[in-house]
Amino acid sequence: MPNAVVMATPPTRGRLWLTNFRPAKDNSTTPLMAALLVGEQSPWPVLDQAEVRCIKDGQMVIVGIEDLGDGPKRSRLFRQAWWCRVVTGVPESVPRHQL
């Protein structure tokens, strides 16, 4: 996306979840998976093969592959990047169950 579009898009607040806890066929290290959790759900598809590319000044960039298909035989893969800002305080207006 162009920078102007990114800056004009309202942010989504949630918990960032990065994990490699998935079964591997050969007990090797599995790639990371990233999800943004808002409450109990994710507003976007997860990022597979996720990599943290940059951590600087309270921000991070995570890149990966997003599958918008409807099954293993109908995958539609797209490269995706998430720009995340780390928020350390919780405003009083945000209910705890939405974190």
PDB file of N, CA and C in Angstrom:
ATOM      1  N   MET A   1       0.840  -1.186   0.000  1.00  0.00           N
ATOM      2  CA  MET A   1       0.000   0.000   0.000  1.00  0.00           C
ATOM      3  C   MET A   1       0.876   1.237   0.000  1.00  0.00           C
ATOM      4  N   PRO A   2       0.420   2.268  -0.619  1.00  0.00           N
ATOM      5  CA  PRO A   2       1.156   3.527  -0.517  1.00  0.00           C
ATOM      6  C   PRO A   2       1.157   4.039   0.925  1.00  0.00           C
ATOM      7  N   ASN A   3       2.191   4.760   1.298  1.00  0.00           N
ATOM      8  CA  ASN A   3       2.342   5.259   2.662  1.00  0.00           C
ATOM      9  C   ASN A   3       1.132   6.084   3.098  1.00  0.00           C
ATOM     10  N   ALA A   4       0.574   6.912   2.217  1.00  0.00           N
ATOM     11  CA  ALA A   4      -0.575   7.739   2.568  1.00  0.00           C
ATOM     12  C   ALA A   4      -1.789   6.889   2.953  1.00  0.00           C
ATOM     13  N   VAL A   5      -1.981   5.771   2.260  1.00  0.00           N
ATOM     14  CA  VAL A   5      -3.095   4.874   2.572  1.00  0.00           C
ATOM     15  C   VAL A   5      -2.864   4.206   3.928  1.00  0.00           C
ATOM     16  N   VAL A   6      -1.647   3.761   4.173  1.00  0.00           N
ATOM     17  CA  VAL A   6      -1.326   3.128   5.458  1.00  0.00           C
ATOM     18  C   VAL A   6      -1.573   4.108   6.598  1.00  0.00           C
ATOM     19  N   MET A   7      -1.109   5.330   6.455  1.00  0.00           N
ATOM     20  CA  MET A   7      -1.248   6.320   7.525  1.00  0.00           C
ATOM     21  C   MET A   7      -2.700   6.741   7.738  1.00  0.00           C
ATOM     22  N   ALA A   8      -3.537   6.656   6.700  1.00  0.00           N
ATOM     23  CA  ALA A   8      -4.942   7.054   6.815  1.00  0.00           C
ATOM     24  C   ALA A   8      -5.834   5.925   7.330  1.00  0.00           C
ATOM     25  N   THR A   9      -5.322   4.705   7.355  1.00  0.00           N
ATOM     26  CA  THR A   9      -6.110   3.561   7.804  1.00  0.00           C
ATOM     27  C   THR A   9      -6.152   3.529   9.327  1.00  0.00           C
ATOM     28  N   PRO A  10      -7.363   3.442   9.918  1.00  0.00           N
ATOM     29  CA  PRO A  10      -7.424   3.378  11.379  1.00  0.00           C
ATOM     30  C   PRO A  10      -6.762   2.099  11.891  1.00  0.00           C
ATOM     31  N   PRO A  11      -6.007   2.185  12.980  1.00  0.00           N
ATOM     32  CA  PRO A  11      -5.338   0.984  13.507  1.00  0.00           C
ATOM     33  C   PRO A  11      -6.336   0.033  14.154  1.00  0.00           C
ATOM     34  N   THR A  12      -5.956  -1.221  14.218  1.00  0.00           N
ATOM     35  CA  THR A  12      -6.720  -2.235  14.936  1.00  0.00           C
ATOM     36  C   THR A  12      -5.927  -2.595  16.178  1.00  0.00           C
ATOM     37  N   ARG A  13      -6.555  -2.488  17.318  1.00  0.00           N
ATOM     38  CA  ARG A  13      -5.875  -2.785  18.574  1.00  0.00           C
ATOM     39  C   ARG A  13      -6.157  -4.225  18.973  1.00  0.00           C
ATOM     40  N   GLY A  14      -5.127  -4.948  19.353  1.00  0.00           N
ATOM     41  CA  GLY A  14      -5.298  -6.330  19.770  1.00  0.00           C
ATOM     42  C   GLY A  14      -4.009  -6.877  20.351  1.00  0.00           C
ATOM     43  N   ARG A  15      -3.982  -8.179  20.588  1.00  0.00           N
ATOM     44  CA  ARG A  15      -2.792  -8.851  21.091  1.00  0.00           C
ATOM     45  C   ARG A  15      -2.108  -9.549  19.932  1.00  0.00           C
ATOM     46  N   LEU A  16      -0.830  -9.308  19.775  1.00  0.00           N
ATOM     47  CA  LEU A  16      -0.046  -9.965  18.742  1.00  0.00           C
ATOM     48  C   LEU A  16       0.407 -11.316  19.270  1.00  0.00           C
ATOM     49  N   TRP A  17       0.183 -12.359  18.489  1.00  0.00           N
ATOM     50  CA  TRP A  17       0.548 -13.706  18.890  1.00  0.00           C
ATOM     51  C   TRP A  17       1.483 -14.283  17.847  1.00  0.00           C
ATOM     52  N   LEU A  18       2.701 -14.609  18.262  1.00  0.00           N
ATOM     53  CA  LEU A  18       3.699 -15.254  17.396  1.00  0.00           C
ATOM     54  C   LEU A  18       4.022 -16.610  18.000  1.00  0.00           C
ATOM     55  N   THR A  19       3.972 -17.644  17.190  1.00  0.00           N
ATOM     56  CA  THR A  19       4.250 -18.975  17.719  1.00  0.00           C
ATOM     57  C   THR A  19       4.874 -19.866  16.653  1.00  0.00           C
ATOM     58  N   ASN A  20       5.643 -20.822  17.088  1.00  0.00           N
ATOM     59  CA  ASN A  20       6.090 -21.885  16.190  1.00  0.00           C
ATOM     60  C   ASN A  20       5.596 -23.218  16.735  1.00  0.00           C
ATOM     61  N   PHE A  21       4.583 -23.160  17.572  1.00  0.00           N
ATOM     62  CA  PHE A  21       4.026 -24.358  18.187  1.00  0.00           C
ATOM     63  C   PHE A  21       3.030 -25.013  17.236  1.00  0.00           C
ATOM     64  N   ARG A  22       3.572 -25.724  16.279  1.00  0.00           N
ATOM     65  CA  ARG A  22       2.791 -26.514  15.339  1.00  0.00           C
ATOM     66  C   ARG A  22       3.547 -27.799  15.109  1.00  0.00           C
ATOM     67  N   PRO A  23       2.855 -28.893  14.917  1.00  0.00           N
ATOM     68  CA  PRO A  23       3.586 -30.142  14.706  1.00  0.00           C
ATOM     69  C   PRO A  23       4.373 -30.122  13.400  1.00  0.00           C
ATOM     70  N   ALA A  24       5.598 -30.536  13.465  1.00  0.00           N
ATOM     71  CA  ALA A  24       6.429 -30.670  12.266  1.00  0.00           C
ATOM     72  C   ALA A  24       6.507 -32.141  11.903  1.00  0.00           C
ATOM     73  N   LYS A  25       6.528 -32.433  10.642  1.00  0.00           N
ATOM     74  CA  LYS A  25       6.548 -33.823  10.184  1.00  0.00           C
ATOM     75  C   LYS A  25       7.848 -34.521  10.552  1.00  0.00           C
ATOM     76  N   ASP A  26       8.946 -33.796  10.567  1.00  0.00           N
ATOM     77  CA  ASP A  26      10.242 -34.432  10.802  1.00  0.00           C
ATOM     78  C   ASP A  26      10.930 -33.913  12.069  1.00  0.00           C
ATOM     79  N   ASN A  27      10.141 -33.339  12.995  1.00  0.00           N
ATOM     80  CA  ASN A  27      10.656 -32.787  14.252  1.00  0.00           C
ATOM     81  C   ASN A  27      11.645 -31.647  14.053  1.00  0.00           C
ATOM     82  N   SER A  28      11.613 -31.027  12.890  1.00  0.00           N
ATOM     83  CA  SER A  28      12.475 -29.875  12.660  1.00  0.00           C
ATOM     84  C   SER A  28      11.790 -28.618  13.191  1.00  0.00           C
ATOM     85  N   THR A  29      12.506 -27.528  13.146  1.00  0.00           N
ATOM     86  CA  THR A  29      11.933 -26.258  13.563  1.00  0.00           C
ATOM     87  C   THR A  29      10.889 -25.827  12.542  1.00  0.00           C
ATOM     88  N   THR A  30       9.736 -25.449  13.027  1.00  0.00           N
ATOM     89  CA  THR A  30       8.677 -25.004  12.125  1.00  0.00           C
ATOM     90  C   THR A  30       8.717 -23.489  11.995  1.00  0.00           C
ATOM     91  N   PRO A  31       8.245 -22.964  10.876  1.00  0.00           N
ATOM     92  CA  PRO A  31       8.218 -21.511  10.724  1.00  0.00           C
ATOM     93  C   PRO A  31       7.230 -20.872  11.698  1.00  0.00           C
ATOM     94  N   LEU A  32       7.422 -19.599  11.963  1.00  0.00           N
ATOM     95  CA  LEU A  32       6.507 -18.876  12.842  1.00  0.00           C
ATOM     96  C   LEU A  32       5.161 -18.660  12.175  1.00  0.00           C
ATOM     97  N   MET A  33       4.152 -18.509  12.999  1.00  0.00           N
ATOM     98  CA  MET A  33       2.832 -18.109  12.563  1.00  0.00           C
ATOM     99  C   MET A  33       2.466 -16.895  13.413  1.00  0.00           C
ATOM    100  N   ALA A  34       1.863 -15.882  12.795  1.00  0.00           N
ATOM    101  CA  ALA A  34       1.485 -14.667  13.511  1.00  0.00           C
ATOM    102  C   ALA A  34      -0.017 -14.454  13.381  1.00  0.00           C
ATOM    103  N   ALA A  35      -0.628 -13.983  14.468  1.00  0.00           N
ATOM    104  CA  ALA A  35      -2.047 -13.650  14.449  1.00  0.00           C
ATOM    105  C   ALA A  35      -2.254 -12.416  15.312  1.00  0.00           C
ATOM    106  N   LEU A  36      -3.229 -11.617  14.932  1.00  0.00           N
ATOM    107  CA  LEU A  36      -3.657 -10.498  15.758  1.00  0.00           C
ATOM    108  C   LEU A  36      -4.976 -10.907  16.385  1.00  0.00           C
ATOM    109  N   LEU A  37      -5.021 -10.955  17.705  1.00  0.00           N
ATOM    110  CA  LEU A  37      -6.222 -11.384  18.406  1.00  0.00           C
ATOM    111  C   LEU A  37      -6.929 -10.179  19.002  1.00  0.00           C
ATOM    112  N   VAL A  38      -8.190 -10.034  18.647  1.00  0.00           N
ATOM    113  CA  VAL A  38      -9.053  -9.008  19.222  1.00  0.00           C
ATOM    114  C   VAL A  38     -10.133  -9.780  19.969  1.00  0.00           C
ATOM    115  N   GLY A  39     -10.048  -9.768  21.287  1.00  0.00           N
ATOM    116  CA  GLY A  39     -10.905 -10.651  22.061  1.00  0.00           C
ATOM    117  C   GLY A  39     -10.449 -12.081  21.812  1.00  0.00           C
ATOM    118  N   GLU A  40     -11.359 -12.927  21.363  1.00  0.00           N
ATOM    119  CA  GLU A  40     -11.039 -14.327  21.090  1.00  0.00           C
ATOM    120  C   GLU A  40     -10.858 -14.602  19.600  1.00  0.00           C
ATOM    121  N   GLN A  41     -11.014 -13.595  18.749  1.00  0.00           N
ATOM    122  CA  GLN A  41     -10.980 -13.818  17.309  1.00  0.00           C
ATOM    123  C   GLN A  41      -9.893 -12.990  16.650  1.00  0.00           C
ATOM    124  N   SER A  42      -9.576 -13.369  15.422  1.00  0.00           N
ATOM    125  CA  SER A  42      -8.602 -12.631  14.629  1.00  0.00           C
ATOM    126  C   SER A  42      -9.329 -11.935  13.486  1.00  0.00           C
ATOM    127  N   PRO A  43      -9.195 -10.610  13.373  1.00  0.00           N
ATOM    128  CA  PRO A  43      -9.894  -9.903  12.294  1.00  0.00           C
ATOM    129  C   PRO A  43      -9.295 -10.171  10.918  1.00  0.00           C
ATOM    130  N   TRP A  44      -8.086 -10.714  10.876  1.00  0.00           N
ATOM    131  CA  TRP A  44      -7.421 -10.995   9.604  1.00  0.00           C
ATOM    132  C   TRP A  44      -6.946 -12.436   9.586  1.00  0.00           C
ATOM    133  N   PRO A  45      -6.716 -12.965   8.398  1.00  0.00           N
ATOM    134  CA  PRO A  45      -6.101 -14.302   8.331  1.00  0.00           C
ATOM    135  C   PRO A  45      -4.712 -14.271   8.972  1.00  0.00           C
ATOM    136  N   VAL A  46      -4.288 -15.409   9.500  1.00  0.00           N
ATOM    137  CA  VAL A  46      -2.967 -15.488  10.119  1.00  0.00           C
ATOM    138  C   VAL A  46      -1.880 -15.363   9.052  1.00  0.00           C
ATOM    139  N   LEU A  47      -0.697 -14.969   9.492  1.00  0.00           N
ATOM    140  CA  LEU A  47       0.472 -14.934   8.616  1.00  0.00           C
ATOM    141  C   LEU A  47       1.255 -16.216   8.843  1.00  0.00           C
ATOM    142  N   ASP A  48       1.446 -16.975   7.800  1.00  0.00           N
ATOM    143  CA  ASP A  48       2.265 -18.173   7.883  1.00  0.00           C
ATOM    144  C   ASP A  48       3.671 -17.817   7.428  1.00  0.00           C
ATOM    145  N   GLN A  49       4.640 -18.606   7.815  1.00  0.00           N
ATOM    146  CA  GLN A  49       6.047 -18.351   7.505  1.00  0.00           C
ATOM    147  C   GLN A  49       6.432 -16.919   7.904  1.00  0.00           C
ATOM    148  N   ALA A  50       5.949 -16.505   9.067  1.00  0.00           N
ATOM    149  CA  ALA A  50       6.159 -15.136   9.542  1.00  0.00           C
ATOM    150  C   ALA A  50       7.601 -14.909   9.972  1.00  0.00           C
ATOM    151  N   GLU A  51       8.089 -13.722   9.717  1.00  0.00           N
ATOM    152  CA  GLU A  51       9.427 -13.296  10.140  1.00  0.00           C
ATOM    153  C   GLU A  51       9.331 -11.891  10.703  1.00  0.00           C
ATOM    154  N   VAL A  52       9.939 -11.678  11.859  1.00  0.00           N
ATOM    155  CA  VAL A  52      10.045 -10.327  12.406  1.00  0.00           C
ATOM    156  C   VAL A  52      11.223  -9.679  11.702  1.00  0.00           C
ATOM    157  N   ARG A  53      10.964  -8.673  10.911  1.00  0.00           N
ATOM    158  CA  ARG A  53      12.008  -8.046  10.109  1.00  0.00           C
ATOM    159  C   ARG A  53      12.677  -6.872  10.812  1.00  0.00           C
ATOM    160  N   CYS A  54      11.936  -6.191  11.681  1.00  0.00           N
ATOM    161  CA  CYS A  54      12.502  -4.996  12.308  1.00  0.00           C
ATOM    162  C   CYS A  54      11.808  -4.753  13.640  1.00  0.00           C
ATOM    163  N   ILE A  55      12.596  -4.425  14.652  1.00  0.00           N
ATOM    164  CA  ILE A  55      12.079  -3.957  15.934  1.00  0.00           C
ATOM    165  C   ILE A  55      12.842  -2.685  16.251  1.00  0.00           C
ATOM    166  N   LYS A  56      12.128  -1.568  16.333  1.00  0.00           N
ATOM    167  CA  LYS A  56      12.801  -0.290  16.555  1.00  0.00           C
ATOM    168  C   LYS A  56      11.796   0.727  17.092  1.00  0.00           C
ATOM    169  N   ASP A  57      12.192   1.450  18.120  1.00  0.00           N
ATOM    170  CA  ASP A  57      11.408   2.557  18.669  1.00  0.00           C
ATOM    171  C   ASP A  57       9.967   2.171  18.989  1.00  0.00           C
ATOM    172  N   GLY A  58       9.767   1.010  19.609  1.00  0.00           N
ATOM    173  CA  GLY A  58       8.430   0.592  19.996  1.00  0.00           C
ATOM    174  C   GLY A  58       7.565   0.110  18.845  1.00  0.00           C
ATOM    175  N   GLN A  59       8.175  -0.181  17.720  1.00  0.00           N
ATOM    176  CA  GLN A  59       7.438  -0.660  16.560  1.00  0.00           C
ATOM    177  C   GLN A  59       8.108  -1.921  16.027  1.00  0.00           C
ATOM    178  N   MET A  60       7.350  -2.725  15.290  1.00  0.00           N
ATOM    179  CA  MET A  60       7.945  -3.872  14.623  1.00  0.00           C
ATOM    180  C   MET A  60       7.233  -4.117  13.303  1.00  0.00           C
ATOM    181  N   VAL A  61       7.971  -4.718  12.388  1.00  0.00           N
ATOM    182  CA  VAL A  61       7.412  -5.107  11.098  1.00  0.00           C
ATOM    183  C   VAL A  61       7.526  -6.623  11.004  1.00  0.00           C
ATOM    184  N   ILE A  62       6.397  -7.257  10.701  1.00  0.00           N
ATOM    185  CA  ILE A  62       6.339  -8.708  10.542  1.00  0.00           C
ATOM    186  C   ILE A  62       5.881  -8.994   9.120  1.00  0.00           C
ATOM    187  N   VAL A  63       6.589  -9.855   8.424  1.00  0.00           N
ATOM    188  CA  VAL A  63       6.205 -10.234   7.066  1.00  0.00           C
ATOM    189  C   VAL A  63       5.884 -11.721   7.048  1.00  0.00           C
ATOM    190  N   GLY A  64       5.059 -12.121   6.087  1.00  0.00           N
ATOM    191  CA  GLY A  64       4.704 -13.526   5.970  1.00  0.00           C
ATOM    192  C   GLY A  64       3.797 -13.758   4.779  1.00  0.00           C
ATOM    193  N   ILE A  65       3.174 -14.914   4.778  1.00  0.00           N
ATOM    194  CA  ILE A  65       2.292 -15.331   3.694  1.00  0.00           C
ATOM    195  C   ILE A  65       0.876 -15.478   4.252  1.00  0.00           C
ATOM    196  N   GLU A  66      -0.075 -14.867   3.562  1.00  0.00           N
ATOM    197  CA  GLU A  66      -1.477 -14.950   3.950  1.00  0.00           C
ATOM    198  C   GLU A  66      -2.202 -15.814   2.916  1.00  0.00           C
ATOM    199  N   ASP A  67      -2.996 -16.774   3.382  1.00  0.00           N
ATOM    200  CA  ASP A  67      -3.754 -17.650   2.480  1.00  0.00           C
ATOM    201  C   ASP A  67      -5.223 -17.265   2.544  1.00  0.00           C
ATOM    202  N   LEU A  68      -5.737 -16.725   1.439  1.00  0.00           N
ATOM    203  CA  LEU A  68      -7.136 -16.323   1.382  1.00  0.00           C
ATOM    204  C   LEU A  68      -8.002 -17.349   0.659  1.00  0.00           C
ATOM    205  N   GLY A  69      -7.442 -18.533   0.423  1.00  0.00           N
ATOM    206  CA  GLY A  69      -8.189 -19.594  -0.251  1.00  0.00           C
ATOM    207  C   GLY A  69      -9.171 -20.269   0.688  1.00  0.00           C
ATOM    208  N   ASP A  70      -9.923 -21.206   0.133  1.00  0.00           N
ATOM    209  CA  ASP A  70     -10.924 -21.893   0.940  1.00  0.00           C
ATOM    210  C   ASP A  70     -10.615 -23.382   1.078  1.00  0.00           C
ATOM    211  N   GLY A  71      -9.354 -23.698   1.215  1.00  0.00           N
ATOM    212  CA  GLY A  71      -8.959 -25.091   1.408  1.00  0.00           C
ATOM    213  C   GLY A  71      -7.582 -25.350   0.834  1.00  0.00           C
ATOM    214  N   PRO A  72      -6.983 -26.496   1.176  1.00  0.00           N
ATOM    215  CA  PRO A  72      -5.615 -26.778   0.735  1.00  0.00           C
ATOM    216  C   PRO A  72      -5.469 -26.873  -0.783  1.00  0.00           C
ATOM    217  N   LYS A  73      -6.517 -27.272  -1.474  1.00  0.00           N
ATOM    218  CA  LYS A  73      -6.419 -27.386  -2.930  1.00  0.00           C
ATOM    219  C   LYS A  73      -6.807 -26.098  -3.643  1.00  0.00           C
ATOM    220  N   ARG A  74      -7.292 -25.127  -2.892  1.00  0.00           N
ATOM    221  CA  ARG A  74      -7.707 -23.848  -3.483  1.00  0.00           C
ATOM    222  C   ARG A  74      -7.057 -22.684  -2.751  1.00  0.00           C
ATOM    223  N   SER A  75      -5.764 -22.781  -2.516  1.00  0.00           N
ATOM    224  CA  SER A  75      -5.081 -21.719  -1.787  1.00  0.00           C
ATOM    225  C   SER A  75      -4.850 -20.520  -2.697  1.00  0.00           C
ATOM    226  N   ARG A  76      -4.910 -19.352  -2.094  1.00  0.00           N
ATOM    227  CA  ARG A  76      -4.592 -18.083  -2.761  1.00  0.00           C
ATOM    228  C   ARG A  76      -3.612 -17.374  -1.835  1.00  0.00           C
ATOM    229  N   LEU A  77      -2.322 -17.456  -2.163  1.00  0.00           N
ATOM    230  CA  LEU A  77      -1.270 -16.958  -1.280  1.00  0.00           C
ATOM    231  C   LEU A  77      -0.867 -15.543  -1.655  1.00  0.00           C
ATOM    232  N   PHE A  78      -0.709 -14.714  -0.641  1.00  0.00           N
ATOM    233  CA  PHE A  78      -0.307 -13.319  -0.834  1.00  0.00           C
ATOM    234  C   PHE A  78       0.768 -12.972   0.182  1.00  0.00           C
ATOM    235  N   ARG A  79       1.786 -12.264  -0.256  1.00  0.00           N
ATOM    236  CA  ARG A  79       2.774 -11.716   0.685  1.00  0.00           C
ATOM    237  C   ARG A  79       2.105 -10.578   1.433  1.00  0.00           C
ATOM    238  N   GLN A  80       2.396 -10.518   2.714  1.00  0.00           N
ATOM    239  CA  GLN A  80       1.750  -9.525   3.564  1.00  0.00           C
ATOM    240  C   GLN A  80       2.769  -9.003   4.569  1.00  0.00           C
ATOM    241  N   ALA A  81       2.618  -7.755   4.954  1.00  0.00           N
ATOM    242  CA  ALA A  81       3.463  -7.164   5.994  1.00  0.00           C
ATOM    243  C   ALA A  81       2.560  -6.462   7.001  1.00  0.00           C
ATOM    244  N   TRP A  82       2.870  -6.653   8.257  1.00  0.00           N
ATOM    245  CA  TRP A  82       2.151  -5.967   9.328  1.00  0.00           C
ATOM    246  C   TRP A  82       3.102  -4.992  10.004  1.00  0.00           C
ATOM    247  N   TRP A  83       2.644  -3.773  10.174  1.00  0.00           N
ATOM    248  CA  TRP A  83       3.391  -2.757  10.902  1.00  0.00           C
ATOM    249  C   TRP A  83       2.703  -2.640  12.260  1.00  0.00           C
ATOM    250  N   CYS A  84       3.413  -2.963  13.317  1.00  0.00           N
ATOM    251  CA  CYS A  84       2.830  -3.013  14.657  1.00  0.00           C
ATOM    252  C   CYS A  84       3.492  -1.981  15.558  1.00  0.00           C
ATOM    253  N   ARG A  85       2.662  -1.320  16.351  1.00  0.00           N
ATOM    254  CA  ARG A  85       3.172  -0.444  17.395  1.00  0.00           C
ATOM    255  C   ARG A  85       2.885  -1.101  18.726  1.00  0.00           C
ATOM    256  N   VAL A  86       3.875  -1.150  19.577  1.00  0.00           N
ATOM    257  CA  VAL A  86       3.707  -1.746  20.894  1.00  0.00           C
ATOM    258  C   VAL A  86       3.060  -0.718  21.813  1.00  0.00           C
ATOM    259  N   VAL A  87       1.963  -1.104  22.440  1.00  0.00           N
ATOM    260  CA  VAL A  87       1.256  -0.236  23.378  1.00  0.00           C
ATOM    261  C   VAL A  87       1.434  -0.848  24.755  1.00  0.00           C
ATOM    262  N   THR A  88       2.034  -0.093  25.656  1.00  0.00           N
ATOM    263  CA  THR A  88       2.317  -0.643  26.983  1.00  0.00           C
ATOM    264  C   THR A  88       1.223  -0.336  27.995  1.00  0.00           C
ATOM    265  N   GLY A  89       0.494   0.743  27.806  1.00  0.00           N
ATOM    266  CA  GLY A  89      -0.584   1.090  28.731  1.00  0.00           C
ATOM    267  C   GLY A  89      -1.929   0.782  28.105  1.00  0.00           C
ATOM    268  N   VAL A  90      -2.913   0.548  28.958  1.00  0.00           N
ATOM    269  CA  VAL A  90      -4.257   0.261  28.480  1.00  0.00           C
ATOM    270  C   VAL A  90      -5.161   1.417  28.884  1.00  0.00           C
ATOM    271  N   PRO A  91      -5.770   2.111  27.906  1.00  0.00           N
ATOM    272  CA  PRO A  91      -6.696   3.186  28.265  1.00  0.00           C
ATOM    273  C   PRO A  91      -7.877   2.641  29.060  1.00  0.00           C
ATOM    274  N   GLU A  92      -8.382   3.435  29.974  1.00  0.00           N
ATOM    275  CA  GLU A  92      -9.517   3.011  30.795  1.00  0.00           C
ATOM    276  C   GLU A  92     -10.742   2.717  29.933  1.00  0.00           C
ATOM    277  N   SER A  93     -10.833   3.307  28.759  1.00  0.00           N
ATOM    278  CA  SER A  93     -12.017   3.125  27.907  1.00  0.00           C
ATOM    279  C   SER A  93     -12.046   1.771  27.204  1.00  0.00           C
ATOM    280  N   VAL A  94     -10.951   1.002  27.275  1.00  0.00           N
ATOM    281  CA  VAL A  94     -10.894  -0.305  26.616  1.00  0.00           C
ATOM    282  C   VAL A  94     -11.187  -1.388  27.638  1.00  0.00           C
ATOM    283  N   PRO A  95     -12.332  -2.114  27.474  1.00  0.00           N
ATOM    284  CA  PRO A  95     -12.612  -3.209  28.414  1.00  0.00           C
ATOM    285  C   PRO A  95     -11.526  -4.270  28.369  1.00  0.00           C
ATOM    286  N   ARG A  96     -11.213  -4.863  29.507  1.00  0.00           N
ATOM    287  CA  ARG A  96     -10.137  -5.852  29.579  1.00  0.00           C
ATOM    288  C   ARG A  96     -10.377  -7.034  28.663  1.00  0.00           C
ATOM    289  N   HIS A  97     -11.619  -7.434  28.419  1.00  0.00           N
ATOM    290  CA  HIS A  97     -11.890  -8.591  27.570  1.00  0.00           C
ATOM    291  C   HIS A  97     -11.607  -8.310  26.097  1.00  0.00           C
ATOM    292  N   GLN A  98     -11.396  -7.052  25.730  1.00  0.00           N
ATOM    293  CA  GLN A  98     -11.092  -6.720  24.336  1.00  0.00           C
ATOM    294  C   GLN A  98      -9.598  -6.669  24.074  1.00  0.00           C
ATOM    295  N   LEU A  99      -8.784  -6.913  25.070  1.00  0.00           N
ATOM    296  CA  LEU A  99      -7.330  -6.872  24.880  1.00  0.00           C
ATOM    297  C   LEU A  99      -6.829  -8.178  24.341  1.00  0.00           C
TER     298      LEU A  99
END
